[in-house]
C-alpha atoms as a PDB file:
ATOM      1  CA  MET A   1     -52.843 -59.350  48.579  1.00  0.00           C
ATOM      2  CA  ILE A   2     -53.675 -56.898  51.380  1.00  0.00           C
ATOM      3  CA  LEU A   3     -57.243 -58.185  51.440  1.00  0.00           C
ATOM      4  CA  LYS A   4     -55.960 -61.766  51.760  1.00  0.00           C
ATOM      5  CA  PHE A   5     -53.618 -60.683  54.554  1.00  0.00           C
ATOM      6  CA  LEU A   6     -56.397 -58.885  56.449  1.00  0.00           C
ATOM      7  CA  SER A   7     -58.719 -61.877  56.077  1.00  0.00           C
ATOM      8  CA  LYS A   8     -56.071 -64.100  57.687  1.00  0.00           C
ATOM      9  CA  ILE A   9     -55.871 -61.701  60.628  1.00  0.00           C
ATOM     10  CA  ALA A  10     -59.675 -61.851  60.946  1.00  0.00           C
ATOM     11  CA  LEU A  11     -59.656 -65.653  60.780  1.00  0.00           C
ATOM     12  CA  ILE A  12     -57.299 -65.817  63.785  1.00  0.00           C
ATOM     13  CA  ALA A  13     -60.050 -64.322  65.945  1.00  0.00           C
ATOM     14  CA  ASP A  14     -62.898 -66.288  64.319  1.00  0.00           C
ATOM     15  CA  ASN A  15     -64.573 -68.705  66.763  1.00  0.00           C
ATOM     16  CA  GLN A  16     -65.493 -71.117  63.970  1.00  0.00           C
ATOM     17  CA  GLN A  17     -61.845 -71.978  63.330  1.00  0.00           C
ATOM     18  CA  ASN A  18     -60.212 -74.744  65.315  1.00  0.00           C
ATOM     19  CA  PHE A  19     -56.919 -74.248  67.140  1.00  0.00           C
ATOM     20  CA  ILE A  20     -54.768 -75.717  64.343  1.00  0.00           C
ATOM     21  CA  GLU A  21     -56.342 -73.440  61.708  1.00  0.00           C
ATOM     22  CA  ARG A  22     -55.887 -70.392  63.975  1.00  0.00           C
ATOM     23  CA  LEU A  23     -52.258 -71.352  64.567  1.00  0.00           C
ATOM     24  CA  LYS A  24     -51.741 -71.765  60.807  1.00  0.00           C
ATOM     25  CA  TYR A  25     -53.162 -68.278  60.098  1.00  0.00           C
ATOM     26  CA  PHE A  26     -51.173 -66.805  62.984  1.00  0.00           C
ATOM     27  CA  LEU A  27     -47.903 -68.240  61.635  1.00  0.00           C
ATOM     28  CA  GLN A  28     -48.715 -66.989  58.132  1.00  0.00           C
ATOM     29  CA  VAL A  29     -49.341 -63.471  59.463  1.00  0.00           C
ATOM     30  CA  ILE A  30     -46.135 -63.507  61.536  1.00  0.00           C
ATOM     31  CA  SER A  31     -44.054 -64.841  58.644  1.00  0.00           C
ATOM     32  CA  THR A  32     -45.412 -62.068  56.430  1.00  0.00           C
ATOM     33  CA  LEU A  33     -45.042 -59.247  58.951  1.00  0.00           C
ATOM     34  CA  GLY A  34     -41.756 -60.364  60.519  1.00  0.00           C
ATOM     35  CA  PRO A  35     -39.428 -59.381  57.675  1.00  0.00           C
ATOM     36  CA  ILE A  36     -41.322 -56.118  57.118  1.00  0.00           C
ATOM     37  CA  VAL A  37     -41.020 -55.201  60.805  1.00  0.00           C
ATOM     38  CA  MET A  38     -37.301 -56.017  60.809  1.00  0.00           C
ATOM     39  CA  ILE A  39     -36.680 -53.837  57.749  1.00  0.00           C
ATOM     40  CA  LEU A  40     -38.713 -50.937  59.144  1.00  0.00           C
ATOM     41  CA  GLU A  41     -36.966 -51.208  62.515  1.00  0.00           C
ATOM     42  CA  GLY A  42     -33.557 -51.137  60.831  1.00  0.00           C
ATOM     43  CA  LEU A  43     -34.547 -48.143  58.697  1.00  0.00           C
ATOM     44  CA  SER A  44     -35.911 -46.200  61.649  1.00  0.00           C
ATOM     45  CA  GLY A  45     -32.694 -46.853  63.603  1.00  0.00           C
ATOM     46  CA  TRP A  46     -30.623 -45.713  60.622  1.00  0.00           C
ATOM     47  CA  PHE A  47     -32.694 -42.525  60.233  1.00  0.00           C
ATOM     48  CA  VAL A  48     -32.271 -41.699  63.919  1.00  0.00           C
ATOM     49  CA  GLU A  49     -28.480 -42.091  63.670  1.00  0.00           C
ATOM     50  CA  ASN A  50     -28.214 -40.323  60.298  1.00  0.00           C
ATOM     51  CA  ARG A  51     -30.930 -37.681  60.568  1.00  0.00           C
ATOM     52  CA  ARG A  52     -28.654 -34.838  59.456  1.00  0.00           C
ATOM     53  CA  PHE A  53     -27.370 -36.772  56.428  1.00  0.00           C
ATOM     54  CA  SER A  54     -30.953 -37.736  55.483  1.00  0.00           C
ATOM     55  CA  VAL A  55     -32.077 -34.104  55.599  1.00  0.00           C
ATOM     56  CA  PHE A  56     -29.011 -32.999  53.620  1.00  0.00           C
ATOM     57  CA  ILE A  57     -29.495 -35.616  50.888  1.00  0.00           C
ATOM     58  CA  PHE A  58     -33.193 -34.726  50.607  1.00  0.00           C
ATOM     59  CA  ALA A  59     -32.303 -31.021  50.384  1.00  0.00           C
ATOM     60  CA  ALA A  60     -29.653 -31.796  47.750  1.00  0.00           C
ATOM     61  CA  LEU A  61     -32.173 -33.740  45.647  1.00  0.00           C
ATOM     62  CA  VAL A  62     -34.735 -30.924  45.884  1.00  0.00           C
ATOM     63  CA  GLY A  63     -32.032 -28.328  45.182  1.00  0.00           C
ATOM     64  CA  ASN A  64     -30.917 -30.320  42.156  1.00  0.00           C
ATOM     65  CA  LEU A  65     -34.507 -30.325  40.891  1.00  0.00           C
ATOM     66  CA  VAL A  66     -34.857 -26.552  41.226  1.00  0.00           C
ATOM     67  CA  ILE A  67     -31.411 -25.536  39.925  1.00  0.00           C
ATOM     68  CA  GLY A  68     -31.663 -28.124  37.131  1.00  0.00           C
ATOM     69  CA  VAL A  69     -34.950 -26.627  35.938  1.00  0.00           C
ATOM     70  CA  ILE A  70     -33.491 -23.090  35.993  1.00  0.00           C
ATOM     71  CA  TYR A  71     -30.341 -24.247  34.201  1.00  0.00           C
ATOM     72  CA  HIS A  72     -32.193 -26.117  31.442  1.00  0.00           C
ATOM     73  CA  LEU A  73     -34.813 -23.381  30.991  1.00  0.00           C
ATOM     74  CA  ARG A  74     -32.043 -20.808  30.461  1.00  0.00           C
ATOM     75  CA  LYS A  75     -30.206 -23.180  28.145  1.00  0.00           C
ATOM     76  CA  GLY A  76     -33.439 -23.932  26.243  1.00  0.00           C
ATOM     77  CA  SER A  77     -33.115 -27.668  26.769  1.00  0.00           C
ATOM     78  CA  PHE A  78     -35.852 -28.347  29.360  1.00  0.00           C
ATOM     79  CA  SER A  79     -37.993 -31.451  28.843  1.00  0.00           C
ATOM     80  CA  TRP A  80     -40.555 -32.759  31.348  1.00  0.00           C
ATOM     81  CA  GLU A  81     -39.845 -36.330  30.259  1.00  0.00           C
ATOM     82  CA  GLN A  82     -36.094 -35.970  30.816  1.00  0.00           C
ATOM     83  CA  PHE A  83     -36.691 -34.027  34.053  1.00  0.00           C
ATOM     84  CA  ILE A  84     -38.815 -36.787  35.584  1.00  0.00           C
ATOM     85  CA  PHE A  85     -36.715 -39.663  34.249  1.00  0.00           C
ATOM     86  CA  LYS A  86     -33.313 -38.272  35.227  1.00  0.00           C
ATOM     87  CA  ASN A  87     -34.352 -37.191  38.714  1.00  0.00           C
ATOM     88  CA  CYS A  88     -36.105 -40.491  39.475  1.00  0.00           C
ATOM     89  CA  LYS A  89     -33.053 -42.326  38.131  1.00  0.00           C
ATOM     90  CA  MET A  90     -30.722 -40.270  40.345  1.00  0.00           C
ATOM     91  CA  ALA A  91     -32.838 -40.873  43.458  1.00  0.00           C
ATOM     92  CA  ALA A  92     -33.048 -44.621  42.758  1.00  0.00           C
ATOM     93  CA  ILE A  93     -29.310 -44.949  42.110  1.00  0.00           C
ATOM     94  CA  LEU A  94     -28.502 -42.985  45.274  1.00  0.00           C
ATOM     95  CA  VAL A  95     -30.766 -45.169  47.417  1.00  0.00           C
ATOM     96  CA  ILE A  96     -29.504 -48.456  45.991  1.00  0.00           C
ATOM     97  CA  ALA A  97     -25.799 -47.544  45.899  1.00  0.00           C
ATOM     98  CA  TYR A  98     -25.791 -45.912  49.321  1.00  0.00           C
ATOM     99  CA  THR A  99     -27.645 -48.897  50.803  1.00  0.00           C
ATOM    100  CA  MET A 100     -25.042 -51.302  49.442  1.00  0.00           C
ATOM    101  CA  LEU A 101     -22.140 -49.114  50.606  1.00  0.00           C
ATOM    102  CA  GLU A 102     -23.708 -48.712  54.056  1.00  0.00           C
ATOM    103  CA  MET A 103     -24.114 -52.500  54.292  1.00  0.00           C
ATOM    104  CA  ILE A 104     -20.367 -52.819  53.735  1.00  0.00           C
ATOM    105  CA  ALA A 105     -19.733 -50.238  56.459  1.00  0.00           C
ATOM    106  CA  ILE A 106     -22.039 -52.061  58.876  1.00  0.00           C
ATOM    107  CA  THR A 107     -20.240 -55.312  58.151  1.00  0.00           C
ATOM    108  CA  ALA A 108     -16.892 -53.634  58.864  1.00  0.00           C
ATOM    109  CA  GLY A 109     -18.094 -52.879  62.386  1.00  0.00           C
ATOM    110  CA  GLU A 110     -17.319 -49.982  64.658  1.00  0.00           C
ATOM    111  CA  ASN A 111     -13.711 -48.896  64.212  1.00  0.00           C
ATOM    112  CA  ILE A 112     -11.745 -45.939  62.922  1.00  0.00           C
ATOM    113  CA  LEU A 113     -11.477 -47.314  59.367  1.00  0.00           C
ATOM    114  CA  ALA A 114     -15.228 -47.962  59.145  1.00  0.00           C
ATOM    115  CA  ASP A 115     -15.930 -44.442  60.439  1.00  0.00           C
ATOM    116  CA  GLY A 116     -13.646 -42.985  57.771  1.00  0.00           C
ATOM    117  CA  TYR A 117     -15.325 -45.128  55.125  1.00  0.00           C
ATOM    118  CA  ARG A 118     -18.777 -43.940  56.266  1.00  0.00           C
ATOM    119  CA  THR A 119     -17.628 -40.341  56.008  1.00  0.00           C
ATOM    120  CA  VAL A 120     -16.336 -40.875  52.466  1.00  0.00           C
ATOM    121  CA  ILE A 121     -19.503 -42.625  51.264  1.00  0.00           C
ATOM    122  CA  GLN A 122     -21.750 -39.974  52.803  1.00  0.00           C
ATOM    123  CA  VAL A 123     -19.712 -37.135  51.307  1.00  0.00           C
ATOM    124  CA  SER A 124     -19.606 -38.926  47.931  1.00  0.00           C
ATOM    125  CA  THR A 125     -23.320 -39.636  48.002  1.00  0.00           C
ATOM    126  CA  LEU A 126     -24.132 -36.051  48.914  1.00  0.00           C
ATOM    127  CA  LEU A 127     -21.749 -34.706  46.286  1.00  0.00           C
ATOM    128  CA  TRP A 128     -23.507 -36.287  43.334  1.00  0.00           C
ATOM    129  CA  PRO A 129     -26.632 -34.105  43.543  1.00  0.00           C
ATOM    130  CA  GLY A 130     -24.721 -31.400  45.442  1.00  0.00           C
ATOM    131  CA  GLY A 131     -21.948 -31.337  42.867  1.00  0.00           C
ATOM    132  CA  LYS A 132     -24.467 -30.991  40.054  1.00  0.00           C
ATOM    133  CA  ILE A 133     -26.031 -28.059  41.893  1.00  0.00           C
ATOM    134  CA  LEU A 134     -22.634 -26.379  42.347  1.00  0.00           C
ATOM    135  CA  LYS A 135     -21.610 -27.003  38.720  1.00  0.00           C
ATOM    136  CA  ASN A 136     -24.881 -25.564  37.394  1.00  0.00           C
ATOM    137  CA  LEU A 137     -24.605 -22.557  39.719  1.00  0.00           C
ATOM    138  CA  TYR A 138     -21.015 -22.064  38.572  1.00  0.00           C
ATOM    139  CA  ILE A 139     -22.153 -21.989  34.948  1.00  0.00           C
ATOM    140  CA  LEU A 140     -25.240 -19.829  35.684  1.00  0.00           C
ATOM    141  CA  SER A 141     -23.080 -17.287  37.541  1.00  0.00           C
ATOM    142  CA  ASN A 142     -20.592 -17.088  34.657  1.00  0.00           C
ATOM    143  CA  LYS A 143     -17.972 -18.934  36.726  1.00  0.00           C
ATOM    144  CA  GLN A 144     -18.109 -16.383  39.534  1.00  0.00           C
ATOM    145  CA  PHE A 145     -19.653 -18.498  42.300  1.00  0.00           C
ATOM    146  CA  PRO A 146     -18.748 -20.897  43.860  1.00  0.00           C
ATOM    147  CA  PRO A 147     -15.142 -19.737  43.613  1.00  0.00           C
ATOM    148  CA  ALA A 148     -12.893 -21.522  41.129  1.00  0.00           C
ATOM    149  CA  PHE A 149     -10.679 -23.012  43.870  1.00  0.00           C
ATOM    150  CA  ILE A 150     -13.705 -24.761  45.403  1.00  0.00           C
ATOM    151  CA  MET A 151     -14.791 -26.097  42.031  1.00  0.00           C
ATOM    152  CA  GLU A 152     -11.238 -27.341  41.383  1.00  0.00           C
ATOM    153  CA  ARG A 153     -11.279 -29.219  44.713  1.00  0.00           C
ATOM    154  CA  LEU A 154     -14.694 -30.674  43.870  1.00  0.00           C
ATOM    155  CA  TYR A 155     -13.492 -31.937  40.486  1.00  0.00           C
ATOM    156  CA  ASN A 156     -10.326 -33.376  42.061  1.00  0.00           C
ATOM    157  CA  PHE A 157     -12.321 -35.204  44.747  1.00  0.00           C
ATOM    158  CA  GLU A 158     -14.658 -36.641  42.108  1.00  0.00           C
ATOM    159  CA  LYS A 159     -11.649 -37.999  40.218  1.00  0.00           C
ATOM    160  CA  SER A 160      -9.671 -39.412  43.136  1.00  0.00           C
ATOM    161  CA  GLY A 161     -12.164 -40.050  45.938  1.00  0.00           C
ATOM    162  CA  ASN A 162      -9.531 -38.685  48.318  1.00  0.00           C
ATOM    163  CA  ILE A 163     -11.341 -36.617  50.941  1.00  0.00           C
ATOM    164  CA  ASN A 164      -8.152 -34.573  51.412  1.00  0.00           C
ATOM    165  CA  GLU A 165      -8.664 -33.272  47.862  1.00  0.00           C
ATOM    166  CA  LEU A 166     -11.893 -31.686  49.072  1.00  0.00           C
ATOM    167  CA  PHE A 167     -10.816 -30.696  52.580  1.00  0.00           C
ATOM    168  CA  PRO A 168      -7.030 -30.317  52.506  1.00  0.00           C
ATOM    169  CA  GLU A 169      -5.341 -30.208  55.878  1.00  0.00           C
ATOM    170  CA  GLN A 170      -3.168 -27.218  56.508  1.00  0.00           C
ATOM    171  CA  ASN A 171       0.320 -27.817  57.808  1.00  0.00           C
ATOM    172  CA  LYS A 172       0.612 -25.991  61.077  1.00  0.00           C
ATOM    173  CA  THR A 173       4.098 -25.320  62.323  1.00  0.00           C
ATOM    174  CA  GLU A 174       4.313 -23.577  65.630  1.00  0.00           C
END
């Protein structure tokens, strides 16, 4: 396919082709590259706006790999097949689900509700691998760290999706 694509690019510059044939090859190249360029441009814009989240999700996936290996080696349940399958599955699900949720947020536009929604989907997306890391660390540390109150908030947020379960606001009376 790439060879066919490159040959069409070469035929555009070929002097033996008439104008109509060159135009045909040019339109075929543009129609092939156009959607790819649009997708890459959208992705690069998203990465610029969400650089911190991208780094955090990558770090969470890598952390999940490392802590998961330690956890399963200590438990005696490590399997390379399961390791590769489950981590690839998690990464694929995160990419697909987050993409769909972000598309909904983009459609909602720029307003306070959409900003809140974006925050919830980013926290939720980050908490899947991050939550697994924290749960495994909690078990590996004999329920000493992270503290039980943090783990309770994490479990409550996973159940309800209410961000206030994770980050409760304190009532301040002055």
